[in-house]
N, C-alpha and C. Protein backbone atom coordinates (compact mmCIF):
# COMPACT_ATOMS: atom_id res chain seq x y z
N UNK A 1 0.79 -1.22 -0.12
CA UNK A 1 -0.17 0.11 0.14
C UNK A 1 0.97 1.25 0.13
N UNK A 2 0.47 2.29 -0.66
CA UNK A 2 1.29 3.47 -0.74
C UNK A 2 0.92 4.58 0.38
N UNK A 3 0.12 4.29 1.06
CA UNK A 3 -0.42 5.24 2.13
C UNK A 3 0.56 5.07 3.22
N UNK A 4 0.97 6.24 3.94
CA UNK A 4 1.61 6.14 5.30
C UNK A 4 0.77 6.76 6.32
N UNK A 5 1.19 6.42 7.76
CA UNK A 5 0.80 7.16 8.64
C UNK A 5 1.26 8.54 8.75
N UNK A 6 0.35 9.60 8.96
CA UNK A 6 0.99 10.95 9.11
C UNK A 6 0.60 11.35 10.50
N UNK A 7 1.83 11.78 10.99
CA UNK A 7 1.79 12.35 12.42
C UNK A 7 1.21 13.82 12.18
N UNK A 8 -0.12 13.78 13.02
CA UNK A 8 -0.95 15.15 12.72
C UNK A 8 -0.36 16.12 13.87
N UNK A 9 0.42 15.89 14.47
CA UNK A 9 0.99 17.14 15.52
C UNK A 9 2.43 17.55 15.05
N UNK A 10 2.85 17.29 13.89
CA UNK A 10 4.12 17.43 13.65
C UNK A 10 3.68 18.79 12.87
N UNK A 11 4.29 20.13 13.03
CA UNK A 11 3.92 21.52 12.45
C UNK A 11 5.08 21.71 11.58
N UNK A 12 4.84 21.73 10.48
CA UNK A 12 5.61 21.97 9.00
C UNK A 12 5.60 23.71 8.66
N UNK A 13 6.70 24.36 8.99
CA UNK A 13 6.60 25.59 8.74
C UNK A 13 6.49 25.72 7.00
N UNK A 14 5.70 26.94 6.83
CA UNK A 14 5.35 27.39 5.47
C UNK A 14 5.89 28.55 5.06
N UNK A 15 6.73 28.61 4.00
CA UNK A 15 7.61 29.78 3.96
C UNK A 15 6.69 31.03 3.79
N UNK A 16 7.03 32.03 4.28
CA UNK A 16 6.26 33.33 3.75
C UNK A 16 6.27 33.71 2.38
N UNK A 17 5.13 34.09 1.80
CA UNK A 17 4.65 34.50 0.73
C UNK A 17 5.84 35.50 0.24
N UNK A 18 6.29 36.06 -1.02
CA UNK A 18 7.17 36.86 -1.29
C UNK A 18 6.25 38.13 -1.28
N UNK A 19 6.78 39.09 -0.87
CA UNK A 19 6.31 40.59 -0.84
C UNK A 19 6.10 41.21 -2.03
N UNK A 20 4.78 41.32 -2.82
CA UNK A 20 4.58 41.70 -3.90
C UNK A 20 3.56 42.85 -3.69
N UNK A 21 4.14 43.90 -4.50
CA UNK A 21 3.24 45.07 -4.72
C UNK A 21 2.64 44.95 -6.11
N UNK A 22 1.22 45.17 -5.78
CA UNK A 22 0.33 45.42 -6.95
C UNK A 22 0.08 46.88 -7.35
N UNK A 23 0.78 47.85 -6.69
CA UNK A 23 0.58 49.15 -7.02
C UNK A 23 1.31 49.46 -7.94
N UNK A 24 0.77 50.44 -8.90
CA UNK A 24 1.66 51.13 -10.26
C UNK A 24 2.08 52.56 -9.91
N UNK A 25 1.94 52.75 -8.56
CA UNK A 25 2.27 54.11 -8.11
C UNK A 25 3.66 54.61 -8.43
N UNK A 26 4.84 53.63 -8.49
CA UNK A 26 5.81 54.00 -8.44
C UNK A 26 6.79 53.52 -9.55
N UNK A 27 5.67 53.07 -10.56
CA UNK A 27 6.13 52.47 -11.92
C UNK A 27 6.67 53.48 -12.92
N UNK A 28 7.91 53.45 -13.64
CA UNK A 28 8.37 54.31 -14.42
C UNK A 28 7.68 54.10 -15.94
N UNK A 29 7.25 53.01 -16.27
CA UNK A 29 6.74 52.93 -17.46
C UNK A 29 5.38 53.01 -17.69
N UNK A 30 5.04 53.32 -18.90
CA UNK A 30 3.36 53.88 -19.26
C UNK A 30 3.03 52.69 -20.14
N UNK A 31 1.65 52.67 -20.58
CA UNK A 31 1.04 52.03 -21.51
C UNK A 31 0.21 52.80 -22.39
N UNK A 32 0.10 52.67 -23.69
CA UNK A 32 -0.66 53.20 -24.62
C UNK A 32 -1.35 51.94 -25.25
N UNK A 33 -2.68 52.06 -25.28
CA UNK A 33 -3.57 51.02 -25.66
C UNK A 33 -4.67 51.67 -26.57
N UNK A 34 -4.11 52.10 -27.70
CA UNK A 34 -4.84 52.88 -28.72
C UNK A 34 -5.93 51.71 -29.62
N UNK A 35 -7.03 51.98 -29.42
CA UNK A 35 -8.07 51.46 -30.39
C UNK A 35 -8.63 52.31 -31.34
N UNK A 36 -8.23 51.87 -32.66
CA UNK A 36 -8.31 52.52 -33.75
C UNK A 36 -9.55 51.88 -34.70
N UNK A 37 -10.73 52.42 -34.80
CA UNK A 37 -11.79 52.04 -35.52
C UNK A 37 -11.56 52.34 -37.24
N UNK A 38 -11.73 51.24 -37.98
CA UNK A 38 -11.31 51.23 -39.31
C UNK A 38 -12.71 51.79 -39.86
N UNK A 39 -12.43 52.59 -41.05
CA UNK A 39 -13.71 53.17 -41.74
C UNK A 39 -14.52 51.98 -42.17
N UNK A 40 -13.75 50.88 -42.92
CA UNK A 40 -14.22 49.61 -43.50
C UNK A 40 -13.42 48.70 -43.14
N UNK A 41 -14.03 47.54 -42.53
CA UNK A 41 -13.46 46.35 -42.04
C UNK A 41 -12.79 45.65 -43.15
N UNK A 42 -13.25 45.71 -44.57
CA UNK A 42 -12.70 45.13 -45.61
C UNK A 42 -11.16 45.64 -45.82
N UNK A 43 -10.90 46.55 -45.43
CA UNK A 43 -9.50 47.33 -45.54
C UNK A 43 -8.43 46.63 -44.75
N UNK A 44 -8.87 45.80 -43.75
CA UNK A 44 -7.74 45.43 -42.84
C UNK A 44 -6.84 44.70 -43.43
N UNK A 45 -6.80 43.96 -44.07
CA UNK A 45 -5.80 43.20 -45.12
C UNK A 45 -4.78 44.26 -45.55
N UNK A 46 -5.10 45.32 -46.34
CA UNK A 46 -4.42 46.30 -46.90
C UNK A 46 -3.83 47.13 -45.62
N UNK A 47 -4.35 47.39 -44.85
CA UNK A 47 -3.67 48.09 -43.75
C UNK A 47 -2.61 47.39 -42.88
N UNK A 48 -2.96 45.98 -42.74
CA UNK A 48 -1.76 45.16 -41.99
C UNK A 48 -0.72 44.95 -43.33
N UNK A 49 -1.06 44.95 -44.55
CA UNK A 49 0.27 44.97 -45.49
C UNK A 49 1.04 46.28 -45.11
N UNK A 50 0.18 47.50 -45.03
CA UNK A 50 1.11 48.74 -45.02
C UNK A 50 1.68 48.78 -43.51
N UNK A 51 1.37 48.08 -42.81
CA UNK A 51 2.10 48.11 -41.36
C UNK A 51 3.40 47.08 -41.53
N UNK A 52 3.01 46.12 -42.39
CA UNK A 52 4.29 45.05 -42.55
C UNK A 52 5.24 45.72 -43.29
N UNK A 53 4.65 46.46 -44.33
CA UNK A 53 5.91 47.25 -45.11
C UNK A 53 6.58 48.20 -44.40
N UNK A 54 6.10 48.67 -43.56
CA UNK A 54 6.60 49.99 -42.80
C UNK A 54 7.78 49.26 -41.37
N UNK A 55 7.52 47.97 -41.29
CA UNK A 55 8.20 47.30 -40.16
C UNK A 55 9.56 47.88 -40.01
N UNK A 56 10.36 47.60 -40.70
CA UNK A 56 11.81 48.06 -40.88
C UNK A 56 12.06 49.76 -40.51
N UNK A 57 11.25 50.66 -40.76
CA UNK A 57 11.23 52.04 -40.31
C UNK A 57 10.91 52.00 -38.79
N UNK A 58 9.81 51.29 -38.73
CA UNK A 58 9.04 51.36 -37.02
C UNK A 58 10.05 50.52 -36.13
N UNK A 59 10.83 49.59 -36.50
CA UNK A 59 11.77 48.96 -35.65
C UNK A 59 12.95 49.94 -35.68
N UNK A 60 13.82 50.39 -36.61
CA UNK A 60 14.58 51.65 -36.31
C UNK A 60 14.15 52.63 -35.24
N UNK A 61 13.11 53.19 -35.62
CA UNK A 61 12.60 54.28 -34.70
C UNK A 61 12.45 53.74 -33.21
N UNK A 62 11.95 52.62 -32.84
CA UNK A 62 11.73 52.07 -31.84
C UNK A 62 13.24 52.02 -31.21
N UNK A 63 14.01 51.56 -31.88
CA UNK A 63 15.52 51.25 -31.11
C UNK A 63 16.27 52.49 -31.05
N UNK A 64 15.77 53.64 -31.73
CA UNK A 64 16.49 54.66 -31.59
C UNK A 64 16.23 55.74 -30.63
N UNK A 65 14.82 55.50 -30.36
CA UNK A 65 14.22 56.57 -29.16
C UNK A 65 14.59 56.07 -27.64
N UNK A 66 14.87 54.87 -27.41
CA UNK A 66 15.35 54.38 -26.30
C UNK A 66 14.45 54.60 -25.08
N UNK A 67 13.13 54.80 -25.21
CA UNK A 67 12.41 54.58 -24.07
C UNK A 67 10.95 53.97 -24.39
N UNK A 68 11.04 53.32 -25.41
CA UNK A 68 10.05 52.22 -25.90
C UNK A 68 10.56 50.74 -25.71
N UNK A 69 9.47 50.24 -24.78
CA UNK A 69 9.86 49.07 -24.19
C UNK A 69 9.73 48.03 -25.40
N UNK A 70 8.03 48.08 -26.08
CA UNK A 70 7.86 47.04 -26.98
C UNK A 70 6.67 48.12 -27.70
N UNK A 71 6.40 47.62 -28.73
CA UNK A 71 5.20 48.00 -29.50
C UNK A 71 4.20 46.79 -30.14
N UNK A 72 3.02 46.84 -30.23
CA UNK A 72 2.30 45.79 -31.37
C UNK A 72 1.40 46.20 -31.74
N UNK A 73 1.19 45.80 -33.24
CA UNK A 73 -0.13 46.42 -33.96
C UNK A 73 -1.18 45.02 -34.15
N UNK A 74 -2.19 45.13 -33.63
CA UNK A 74 -2.92 44.03 -33.45
C UNK A 74 -4.43 44.19 -33.95
N UNK A 75 -4.73 43.43 -35.24
CA UNK A 75 -6.02 43.75 -35.63
C UNK A 75 -6.83 43.02 -34.89
N UNK A 76 -8.12 43.61 -34.58
CA UNK A 76 -9.11 42.82 -33.68
C UNK A 76 -9.82 42.08 -34.83
N UNK A 77 -10.16 40.80 -33.97
CA UNK A 77 -10.56 39.61 -34.58
C UNK A 77 -11.85 39.88 -35.44
N UNK A 78 -12.66 40.83 -35.40
CA UNK A 78 -13.77 41.22 -36.20
C UNK A 78 -13.48 42.06 -37.25
N UNK A 79 -12.34 42.53 -37.24
CA UNK A 79 -11.63 43.24 -38.30
C UNK A 79 -12.10 44.82 -38.34
N UNK A 80 -12.89 45.14 -37.36
CA UNK A 80 -13.31 46.54 -37.09
C UNK A 80 -12.27 47.52 -36.79
N UNK A 81 -11.45 47.14 -36.01
CA UNK A 81 -10.51 48.13 -35.35
C UNK A 81 -8.87 47.46 -35.24
N UNK A 82 -8.07 48.59 -35.18
CA UNK A 82 -6.54 48.28 -35.04
C UNK A 82 -6.29 48.48 -33.71
N UNK A 83 -5.70 47.55 -32.80
CA UNK A 83 -5.42 47.78 -31.43
C UNK A 83 -3.86 47.92 -31.66
N UNK A 84 -3.14 49.49 -30.96
CA UNK A 84 -1.74 49.42 -30.99
C UNK A 84 -1.49 49.65 -29.51
N UNK A 85 -0.69 48.60 -29.15
CA UNK A 85 -0.42 48.46 -27.83
C UNK A 85 1.29 48.67 -27.53
N UNK A 86 1.68 49.65 -26.60
CA UNK A 86 2.97 50.04 -26.33
C UNK A 86 3.36 50.24 -25.17
N UNK A 87 4.41 50.08 -24.51
CA UNK A 87 4.97 50.16 -23.07
C UNK A 87 6.03 51.16 -23.43
N UNK A 88 5.98 52.24 -22.54
CA UNK A 88 7.14 53.38 -22.97
C UNK A 88 7.22 54.05 -21.49
N UNK A 89 8.56 54.46 -21.48
CA UNK A 89 9.06 55.61 -20.44
C UNK A 89 8.50 57.09 -20.52
N UNK A 90 8.26 57.58 -19.75
CA UNK A 90 7.70 58.94 -19.76
C UNK A 90 6.36 59.42 -19.69
N UNK A 91 5.99 60.54 -20.51
CA UNK A 91 4.53 60.86 -20.55
C UNK A 91 4.10 60.84 -21.88
N UNK A 92 2.57 60.83 -21.92
CA UNK A 92 2.27 60.36 -23.40
C UNK A 92 2.30 61.49 -24.57
N UNK A 93 2.22 62.57 -23.97
CA UNK A 93 2.09 63.51 -24.93
C UNK A 93 3.47 63.69 -25.74
N UNK A 94 4.64 63.68 -24.99
CA UNK A 94 6.09 63.84 -25.43
C UNK A 94 5.85 62.47 -26.22
N UNK A 95 5.75 61.55 -25.66
CA UNK A 95 5.74 60.09 -26.60
C UNK A 95 5.09 60.03 -28.03
N UNK A 96 3.90 60.85 -27.98
CA UNK A 96 3.18 60.97 -29.28
C UNK A 96 4.09 61.89 -30.28
N UNK A 97 4.27 63.04 -29.65
CA UNK A 97 5.05 63.85 -30.49
C UNK A 97 6.43 63.31 -31.26
N UNK A 98 7.09 62.56 -30.24
CA UNK A 98 8.29 62.02 -30.83
C UNK A 98 7.78 61.07 -31.99
N UNK A 99 6.82 60.30 -31.83
CA UNK A 99 6.17 59.43 -32.95
C UNK A 99 5.76 60.18 -34.20
N UNK A 100 5.28 61.29 -34.07
CA UNK A 100 5.05 62.55 -35.20
C UNK A 100 6.40 62.73 -35.77
N UNK A 101 7.45 63.12 -35.19
CA UNK A 101 8.62 63.47 -35.65
C UNK A 101 9.26 62.36 -36.31
N UNK A 102 9.25 61.06 -35.95
CA UNK A 102 10.00 59.95 -36.61
C UNK A 102 9.25 59.18 -37.19
N UNK A 103 8.06 58.86 -37.19
CA UNK A 103 7.32 58.09 -37.91
C UNK A 103 5.75 58.62 -38.36
N UNK A 104 5.92 59.80 -38.47
CA UNK A 104 4.72 60.71 -38.97
C UNK A 104 4.19 60.16 -40.45
N UNK A 105 5.01 59.79 -41.40
CA UNK A 105 4.64 59.37 -42.59
C UNK A 105 3.65 57.91 -42.18
N UNK A 106 4.35 57.09 -41.38
CA UNK A 106 3.74 55.75 -40.91
C UNK A 106 2.28 56.04 -40.63
N UNK A 107 2.35 56.93 -39.67
CA UNK A 107 1.00 57.37 -38.95
C UNK A 107 0.05 57.78 -39.71
N UNK A 108 0.33 58.69 -41.02
CA UNK A 108 -0.36 59.11 -41.71
C UNK A 108 -1.10 58.07 -42.62
N UNK A 109 -0.33 57.15 -43.04
CA UNK A 109 -1.06 56.08 -43.80
C UNK A 109 -1.75 55.52 -43.12
N UNK A 110 -1.42 54.99 -41.65
CA UNK A 110 -2.37 54.02 -40.94
C UNK A 110 -3.83 54.74 -40.75
N UNK A 111 -3.81 56.42 -40.65
CA UNK A 111 -4.89 57.11 -40.27
C UNK A 111 -5.86 57.16 -41.77
N UNK A 112 -5.06 57.04 -42.54
CA UNK A 112 -5.79 56.90 -43.86
C UNK A 112 -7.20 55.79 -43.93
N UNK A 113 -6.75 54.82 -43.15
CA UNK A 113 -7.86 53.53 -43.04
C UNK A 113 -8.76 53.85 -41.63
N UNK A 114 -8.60 55.00 -41.07
CA UNK A 114 -9.39 55.08 -39.75
C UNK A 114 -10.73 56.10 -39.85
N UNK A 115 -11.59 55.52 -39.20
CA UNK A 115 -12.64 56.59 -39.05
C UNK A 115 -12.45 57.67 -38.12
N UNK A 116 -13.19 58.89 -38.00
CA UNK A 116 -12.77 59.82 -37.24
C UNK A 116 -11.44 60.04 -37.10
N UNK A 117 -10.48 60.03 -38.03
CA UNK A 117 -9.00 60.22 -38.09
C UNK A 117 -8.55 61.66 -37.85
N UNK A 118 -7.80 62.08 -37.16
CA UNK A 118 -7.30 63.47 -37.16
C UNK A 118 -6.71 63.94 -38.55
N UNK A 119 -6.62 65.23 -38.75
CA UNK A 119 -6.32 65.80 -39.92
C UNK A 119 -4.89 65.30 -40.57
N UNK A 120 -4.89 65.01 -41.78
CA UNK A 120 -3.65 64.44 -42.21
C UNK A 120 -2.84 65.61 -43.41
N UNK A 121 -1.51 65.48 -43.13
CA UNK A 121 -0.78 64.43 -42.65
C UNK A 121 -0.76 64.80 -41.13
N UNK A 122 -0.06 63.74 -40.35
CA UNK A 122 0.06 64.24 -38.84
C UNK A 122 1.30 65.17 -38.56
N UNK A 123 2.35 65.19 -39.56
CA UNK A 123 3.27 65.92 -39.17
C UNK A 123 3.00 67.55 -39.40
N UNK A 124 1.84 67.69 -40.10
CA UNK A 124 1.39 69.37 -40.20
C UNK A 124 0.27 69.46 -38.99
N UNK A 125 -0.39 68.43 -38.49
CA UNK A 125 -1.40 68.42 -37.47
C UNK A 125 -0.96 68.06 -36.27
N UNK A 126 0.23 68.00 -35.60
CA UNK A 126 0.46 67.17 -34.42
C UNK A 126 -0.32 67.23 -33.25
N UNK A 127 -0.94 68.57 -33.14
CA UNK A 127 -1.72 68.47 -31.78
C UNK A 127 -3.05 67.75 -32.05
N UNK A 128 -3.74 68.06 -33.14
CA UNK A 128 -4.57 67.18 -33.45
C UNK A 128 -4.61 65.91 -33.29
N UNK A 129 -3.35 65.12 -33.66
CA UNK A 129 -2.83 63.53 -33.42
C UNK A 129 -2.80 63.69 -32.29
N UNK A 130 -2.16 64.25 -31.55
CA UNK A 130 -2.12 63.86 -29.99
C UNK A 130 -3.31 63.73 -29.22
N UNK A 131 -4.47 64.82 -29.80
CA UNK A 131 -5.85 64.62 -29.09
C UNK A 131 -6.55 63.37 -29.45
N UNK A 132 -6.13 63.02 -31.21
CA UNK A 132 -6.73 61.74 -31.32
C UNK A 132 -6.32 60.57 -30.67
N UNK A 133 -5.18 60.30 -30.30
CA UNK A 133 -4.54 59.33 -29.48
C UNK A 133 -5.20 59.54 -28.05
N UNK A 134 -5.14 60.52 -27.59
CA UNK A 134 -6.09 60.62 -26.32
C UNK A 134 -7.34 60.23 -26.15
N UNK A 135 -7.95 60.20 -27.18
CA UNK A 135 -9.48 60.10 -27.12
C UNK A 135 -9.74 58.59 -27.46
N UNK A 136 -8.55 57.81 -28.23
CA UNK A 136 -8.78 56.65 -28.40
C UNK A 136 -7.94 55.57 -27.63
N UNK A 137 -7.14 56.18 -26.64
CA UNK A 137 -6.48 55.44 -25.54
C UNK A 137 -7.22 54.66 -24.61
N UNK A 138 -7.07 53.60 -24.14
CA UNK A 138 -7.69 53.13 -22.78
C UNK A 138 -6.52 53.12 -22.10
N UNK A 139 -6.68 54.22 -21.39
CA UNK A 139 -5.59 54.67 -20.36
C UNK A 139 -5.77 54.02 -19.01
N UNK A 140 -7.12 53.63 -18.78
CA UNK A 140 -7.16 52.64 -17.29
C UNK A 140 -6.29 51.55 -17.04
N UNK A 141 -6.12 50.92 -18.33
CA UNK A 141 -5.32 49.63 -18.63
C UNK A 141 -4.00 49.67 -17.98
N UNK A 142 -3.72 49.43 -16.88
CA UNK A 142 -2.25 49.38 -16.35
C UNK A 142 -1.12 48.56 -17.04
N UNK A 143 0.19 48.98 -16.90
CA UNK A 143 1.36 48.43 -17.20
C UNK A 143 1.76 47.38 -16.04
N UNK A 144 1.76 46.04 -16.20
CA UNK A 144 2.22 45.40 -15.43
C UNK A 144 3.59 44.73 -15.77
N UNK A 145 4.66 45.03 -15.13
CA UNK A 145 6.18 44.71 -15.64
C UNK A 145 6.70 43.90 -14.73
N UNK A 146 7.76 43.16 -14.97
CA UNK A 146 8.81 42.46 -14.30
C UNK A 146 9.63 43.29 -13.76
N UNK A 147 9.85 44.61 -14.23
CA UNK A 147 10.83 45.74 -13.88
C UNK A 147 10.18 47.00 -13.74
N UNK A 148 9.14 47.33 -12.96
CA UNK A 148 8.29 48.24 -12.92
C UNK A 148 9.26 49.85 -12.67
N UNK A 149 10.23 49.61 -11.92
CA UNK A 149 11.08 50.76 -11.55
C UNK A 149 12.38 51.15 -12.38
N UNK A 150 12.57 50.27 -13.70
CA UNK A 150 13.47 50.34 -14.51
C UNK A 150 13.15 51.00 -15.92
N UNK A 151 13.99 52.20 -16.20
CA UNK A 151 13.42 52.44 -17.50
C UNK A 151 14.32 51.40 -18.54
N UNK A 152 13.92 51.80 -19.79
CA UNK A 152 14.67 50.97 -21.10
C UNK A 152 16.11 51.42 -20.88
N UNK A 153 16.58 52.86 -20.70
CA UNK A 153 17.99 53.14 -20.51
C UNK A 153 18.57 52.35 -19.46
N UNK A 154 17.97 52.12 -18.32
CA UNK A 154 18.47 51.46 -17.22
C UNK A 154 18.84 49.90 -17.57
N UNK A 155 17.67 49.34 -18.21
CA UNK A 155 17.87 48.10 -18.64
C UNK A 155 18.80 47.77 -19.76
N UNK A 156 18.88 48.36 -20.64
CA UNK A 156 20.02 48.52 -21.70
C UNK A 156 21.58 49.00 -21.05
N UNK A 157 21.66 49.78 -20.22
CA UNK A 157 22.71 49.72 -19.26
C UNK A 157 23.33 48.91 -18.72
N UNK A 158 22.24 47.91 -17.94
CA UNK A 158 22.73 47.09 -17.34
C UNK A 158 23.11 45.77 -18.12
N UNK A 159 22.43 45.67 -19.32
CA UNK A 159 22.87 44.84 -20.37
C UNK A 159 24.06 44.78 -21.09
N UNK A 160 24.61 46.11 -20.85
CA UNK A 160 26.04 46.42 -21.69
C UNK A 160 25.53 46.99 -22.98
N UNK A 161 24.61 47.30 -23.25
CA UNK A 161 23.92 47.42 -24.76
C UNK A 161 23.72 49.10 -24.80
N UNK A 162 23.85 50.09 -23.77
CA UNK A 162 23.87 51.33 -23.95
C UNK A 162 24.98 52.19 -24.30
């Protein structure tokens, strides 16, 4: 038989749970959760082709800016919207203005597919683009990070890549 008698009087110490803060109060990273509704869901394949074609330019901008942890362009399953998810250091308005400066042409092309887009090109109307992003961002979704108090520059420096 595989059962054995257990001494119910033996106390086995249970290790304390690690201290985990679920607060985002001191986090240095911020998140963009941009939901961009398309004018016509049938245009999603063309939009994704444009984003794929822009990938080298976007990648170069992300690595050059040194405060963007990641970025994703996700077509919603029903094809009605594009979700842009990023994690970055700093404030939203400065982040968006940097995107206008280095990726204005890419976002101008993306916005040609969007319903209620800001005026184009975004380089000529940066304030309106900032307002568009603010209005379409789901800001209440927090950024949960394995390294909440480290900026991308901190991480690159620790890795010897900065």
